[in-house]
Amino acid sequence: GNSDVKAKQELVTSLEAKAVKSDEKIKQLEASIEEKSSETASLRKSMEELESQTASLKKSCDEDSNQWSAKLKECKDELSQVSDKLEFSVSRHSALAKEKGQLNEKLRSAESENKELKESLKNLEKTNTVSSAEYASLAKTLEKKVHNEKKLRGEMAQKKQMIAILQSNEKHLEQHITSLEEQINKLVSDYETKLKGS
């Protein structure tokens, strides 16, 4: 019976030792789990911060991109409008130049006719070969033709003035187009530089 008690006591002592070791292992595991849990929480927090920063950066990039797109669209729309104005002005200029050419022909023809008519009247005065009624009729015709020539000269001056205004306007529009093209190129270049930098 004595050896039984001794065996029981050894068994109890061994079990108690194992229980202590087991408790220690459980405590170590719990400490390890707590540490891992703390690391996981820290990682999760870092991830959330990164996601928040990424979202903020994306929003900032989107805003920049939207502002840039709006500015680019504004420049392109203005360029289109100015180009249309220039096209219209050039078309009007071309039509006026054609009208001026036709007027010039009429004016030359009128000047030539009037010169001949004046010479004829002078000759008739010298030779005195027509009646005064015929002479008066010719003089009246010359007067009408001279009046018509003056009218043509007035129209010609008007056309020249209109053409000069259009030329000045076209020069201004061409400068505006050049300026807008430079703005567009600078916008694109700045945006590309910013993209490379980010």
Protein backbone atom coordinates (compact mmCIF):
# COMPACT_ATOMS: atom_id res chain seq x y z
CA GLY A 1 0.00 0.00 0.00
CA ASN A 2 2.95 2.29 0.67
CA SER A 3 4.25 2.04 -2.89
CA ASP A 4 0.72 2.86 -4.16
CA VAL A 5 0.67 6.06 -2.14
CA LYS A 6 4.13 6.92 -3.37
CA ALA A 7 3.14 6.21 -6.99
CA LYS A 8 -0.01 8.33 -6.55
CA GLN A 9 2.01 11.15 -5.09
CA GLU A 10 4.53 11.00 -7.95
CA LEU A 11 1.65 10.98 -10.40
CA VAL A 12 0.02 13.99 -8.69
CA THR A 13 3.38 15.84 -8.58
CA SER A 14 4.00 15.02 -12.25
CA LEU A 15 0.48 16.13 -13.20
CA GLU A 16 0.84 19.34 -11.20
CA ALA A 17 4.19 20.05 -12.91
CA LYS A 18 2.59 19.35 -16.28
CA ALA A 19 -0.37 21.59 -15.34
CA VAL A 20 2.02 24.41 -14.40
CA LYS A 21 3.90 23.94 -17.67
CA SER A 22 0.60 23.81 -19.52
CA ASP A 23 -0.58 27.01 -17.78
CA GLU A 24 2.70 28.69 -18.71
CA LYS A 25 2.31 27.61 -22.34
CA ILE A 26 -1.28 28.86 -22.37
CA LYS A 27 -0.12 32.19 -20.91
CA GLN A 28 2.65 32.41 -23.52
CA LEU A 29 0.16 31.60 -26.29
CA GLU A 30 -2.31 34.16 -24.94
CA ALA A 31 0.48 36.76 -24.75
CA SER A 32 1.54 35.87 -28.31
CA ILE A 33 -2.08 36.04 -29.54
CA GLU A 34 -2.51 39.40 -27.80
CA GLU A 35 0.71 40.67 -29.40
CA LYS A 36 -0.37 39.42 -32.84
CA SER A 37 -3.81 40.92 -32.30
CA SER A 38 -2.21 44.25 -31.36
CA GLU A 39 0.03 44.07 -34.49
CA THR A 40 -3.03 43.23 -36.62
CA ALA A 41 -4.94 46.19 -35.17
CA SER A 42 -1.93 48.44 -35.80
CA LEU A 43 -1.65 47.13 -39.38
CA ARG A 44 -5.38 47.61 -39.92
CA LYS A 45 -5.09 51.18 -38.65
CA SER A 46 -2.10 51.82 -40.97
CA MET A 47 -4.09 50.34 -43.88
CA GLU A 48 -7.05 52.59 -43.10
CA GLU A 49 -4.76 55.63 -42.94
CA LEU A 50 -3.18 54.64 -46.27
CA GLU A 51 -6.60 54.15 -47.84
CA SER A 52 -7.69 57.54 -46.51
CA GLN A 53 -4.51 59.19 -47.91
CA THR A 54 -5.01 57.40 -51.25
CA ALA A 55 -8.64 58.55 -51.40
CA SER A 56 -7.56 62.11 -50.53
CA LEU A 57 -4.82 62.02 -53.19
CA LYS A 58 -7.24 60.61 -55.76
CA LYS A 59 -9.77 63.34 -54.92
CA SER A 60 -7.03 65.98 -55.22
CA CYS A 61 -5.84 64.48 -58.54
CA ASP A 62 -9.43 64.31 -59.82
CA GLU A 63 -9.99 67.95 -58.85
CA ASP A 64 -6.73 68.96 -60.57
CA SER A 65 -7.66 66.91 -63.60
CA ASN A 66 -11.16 68.42 -63.70
CA GLN A 67 -9.79 71.96 -63.37
CA TRP A 68 -7.23 71.28 -66.09
CA SER A 69 -9.87 69.70 -68.38
CA ALA A 70 -12.21 72.66 -67.83
CA LYS A 71 -9.43 75.18 -68.60
CA LEU A 72 -8.36 73.22 -71.68
CA LYS A 73 -11.98 73.00 -72.92
CA GLU A 74 -12.42 76.75 -72.33
CA CYS A 75 -9.29 77.51 -74.41
CA LYS A 76 -10.30 75.09 -77.17
CA ASP A 77 -13.85 76.53 -77.32
CA GLU A 78 -12.48 80.07 -77.53
CA LEU A 79 -9.99 78.96 -80.20
CA SER A 80 -12.86 77.46 -82.21
CA GLN A 81 -14.92 80.69 -81.92
CA VAL A 82 -11.98 82.91 -82.90
CA SER A 83 -11.14 80.59 -85.83
CA ASP A 84 -14.76 80.82 -87.03
CA LYS A 85 -14.61 84.63 -86.83
CA LEU A 86 -11.35 84.64 -88.76
CA GLU A 87 -12.79 82.31 -91.40
CA PHE A 88 -15.84 84.58 -91.79
CA SER A 89 -13.64 87.69 -92.00
CA VAL A 90 -11.38 86.11 -94.65
CA SER A 91 -14.46 85.06 -96.65
CA ARG A 92 -15.92 88.61 -96.41
CA HIS A 93 -12.51 90.06 -97.31
CA SER A 94 -12.31 87.84 -100.39
CA ALA A 95 -15.82 88.90 -101.52
CA LEU A 96 -14.99 92.59 -101.00
CA ALA A 97 -11.71 92.26 -102.91
CA LYS A 98 -13.65 90.74 -105.82
CA GLU A 99 -16.22 93.59 -105.68
CA LYS A 100 -13.35 96.11 -105.54
CA GLY A 101 -11.82 94.52 -108.65
CA GLN A 102 -15.12 94.78 -110.53
CA LEU A 103 -15.57 98.39 -109.38
CA ASN A 104 -12.04 99.18 -110.52
CA GLU A 105 -12.84 97.89 -114.02
CA LYS A 106 -16.05 99.98 -114.14
CA LEU A 107 -14.14 103.04 -112.92
CA ARG A 108 -11.39 102.65 -115.55
CA SER A 109 -14.02 102.22 -118.24
CA ALA A 110 -15.93 105.31 -117.00
CA GLU A 111 -12.72 107.38 -116.83
CA SER A 112 -11.79 106.34 -120.37
CA GLU A 113 -15.31 107.12 -121.72
CA ASN A 114 -15.41 110.48 -119.95
CA LYS A 115 -11.98 111.43 -121.28
CA GLU A 116 -13.08 110.62 -124.83
CA LEU A 117 -16.36 112.51 -124.35
CA LYS A 118 -14.53 115.60 -123.02
CA GLU A 119 -12.16 115.56 -126.00
CA SER A 120 -15.11 115.19 -128.40
CA LEU A 121 -16.83 118.20 -126.81
CA LYS A 122 -13.63 120.28 -127.08
CA ASN A 123 -13.29 119.36 -130.75
CA LEU A 124 -16.94 120.22 -131.36
CA GLU A 125 -16.42 123.60 -129.67
CA LYS A 126 -13.47 124.33 -131.93
CA THR A 127 -15.05 123.13 -135.16
CA ASN A 128 -18.54 124.34 -134.24
CA THR A 129 -20.10 121.53 -136.33
CA VAL A 130 -23.09 120.69 -134.10
CA SER A 131 -26.14 122.60 -133.08
CA SER A 132 -26.33 124.09 -129.63
CA ALA A 133 -29.08 121.55 -128.73
CA GLU A 134 -26.85 118.61 -129.67
CA TYR A 135 -23.94 120.17 -127.82
CA ALA A 136 -26.13 120.69 -124.70
CA SER A 137 -27.28 117.06 -124.90
CA LEU A 138 -23.67 115.83 -125.08
CA ALA A 139 -22.68 118.13 -122.21
CA LYS A 140 -25.55 116.73 -120.11
CA THR A 141 -24.47 113.15 -120.94
CA LEU A 142 -20.90 114.02 -119.86
CA GLU A 143 -22.22 115.57 -116.65
CA LYS A 144 -24.14 112.34 -115.83
CA LYS A 145 -21.12 110.22 -116.63
CA VAL A 146 -18.83 112.40 -114.45
CA HIS A 147 -21.39 112.12 -111.63
CA ASN A 148 -21.42 108.31 -112.08
CA GLU A 149 -17.61 108.26 -112.01
CA LYS A 150 -17.63 110.20 -108.70
CA LYS A 151 -20.15 107.72 -107.31
CA LEU A 152 -17.91 104.82 -108.37
CA ARG A 153 -14.90 106.52 -106.70
CA GLY A 154 -16.94 106.89 -103.49
CA GLU A 155 -17.88 103.20 -103.57
CA MET A 156 -14.26 102.30 -104.24
CA ALA A 157 -13.06 104.34 -101.25
CA GLN A 158 -15.70 102.64 -99.08
CA LYS A 159 -14.59 99.16 -100.20
CA LYS A 160 -10.94 100.03 -99.53
CA GLN A 161 -11.86 101.24 -96.03
CA MET A 162 -13.88 98.07 -95.31
CA ILE A 163 -11.01 95.89 -96.55
CA ALA A 164 -8.53 97.81 -94.33
CA ILE A 165 -10.81 97.26 -91.30
CA LEU A 166 -11.09 93.54 -92.11
CA GLN A 167 -7.31 93.22 -92.54
CA SER A 168 -6.74 94.87 -89.16
CA ASN A 169 -9.39 92.62 -87.58
CA GLU A 170 -7.83 89.51 -89.18
CA LYS A 171 -4.40 90.44 -87.84
CA HIS A 172 -5.88 90.81 -84.34
CA LEU A 173 -7.72 87.45 -84.65
CA GLU A 174 -4.55 85.70 -85.89
CA GLN A 175 -2.62 87.05 -82.87
CA HIS A 176 -5.43 85.84 -80.59
CA ILE A 177 -5.27 82.37 -82.18
CA THR A 178 -1.49 82.24 -81.69
CA SER A 179 -1.90 83.26 -78.05
CA LEU A 180 -4.60 80.60 -77.45
CA GLU A 181 -2.48 77.91 -79.12
CA GLU A 182 0.43 78.88 -76.84
CA GLN A 183 -1.88 78.71 -73.79
CA ILE A 184 -3.10 75.23 -74.81
CA ASN A 185 0.47 73.97 -75.36
CA LYS A 186 1.53 75.38 -71.96
CA LEU A 187 -1.48 73.76 -70.24
CA VAL A 188 -0.66 70.37 -71.76
CA SER A 189 3.03 70.71 -70.96
CA ASP A 190 2.35 71.78 -67.33
CA TYR A 191 -0.09 68.91 -66.83
CA GLU A 192 2.34 66.35 -68.27
CA THR A 193 5.09 67.71 -65.99
CA LYS A 194 2.77 67.46 -62.97
CA LEU A 195 1.84 63.86 -63.88
CA LYS A 196 5.50 62.88 -64.13
CA GLY A 197 6.21 64.56 -60.79
CA SER A 198 3.42 62.78 -58.90
